[in-house]
Amino acid sequence: MPTSYREGVDLMRVRQASVQTIDAPGEWEIALLHGWHSLYAPMARIEGELRERFPNARIWRVSYDSHWKVFPRSAREISARLRAAGVKPKRTILVGYSMGGVVARSMVAQGFDAHAVVCLCSPHLGPALHIPFGDVGSLSLAYSAPYLKELNRAPRDIARRGDYFFQSITFRDATGECRHDRIVSQRSASGRGLVGIVHRANTHVVYEGVAPGPMPHLQGMNPDRVPKALDFIKERMAE
């Protein structure tokens, strides 16, 4: 989410995808993709955790237009930018939060042959039905959208699902047990019904009182809430 007025203005402009890094080349590459209605800044905490855990990896900060472009187009732009920067897909792990996880899968489906993909609270079957759609990017993620249907039956995506990790978040607060994170249901984030998904984890968060706004969904960017996803990255780097 934007953290300043300037970021909010930038967020709503049509823009090209960009990739940046502050690291020297390493044995591995990790590309971090943010979610819808966001720039890269909220990913800073999980970036710091990845940098500490995996000093042999170069971290790429990926930013893309989540509002005015359908997610397959963003996937194409990101893949092109990473290749132009000299990134080798087979030595790359894609880590996508929310919409970013679907974008990451679309990159693989279109031929960016990443070593592994980690999806954190991503709407693989679309977001919760109560979430309104108001722009090109969010409409491309709707459960009935042709883009999402095409991705979920794409041969390359299906063939690589053994290399994916799907993380969901559920919670309990004063309103009761919630099998969703307010934005994405556990079923959607877990990719239930998608053939070939074998690596999944759910984190259940307990709040006193009523959980504030989208806070449960934002826990997908909290490294303390996704330990199994981080372990999955470690396992894949050991191969």
Foldseek 3Di string as FASTA:
>chain_A
DDDDPVVQVVLPDADFKAKDFPDDQFQAEEEEAEAAPDFQVLLVQVVVVCCVVCVRYTYIRIGHRLFADALLVNLVRVLVNCVVVVHQQQRYEYEYAACGQVSVLSNQLVPSVHLAYEYQQYQLQAKDPVDDDDGNNNQNRHNPHPNSVCSLPRPRSLVCQLRYAFEAEWEQEPVGTGQHLQIHGVCRSQVPPRPDHDHYDYFYYYDYHDDPDSVSSSCSSVCVRPVVSVVSVVVSVVD
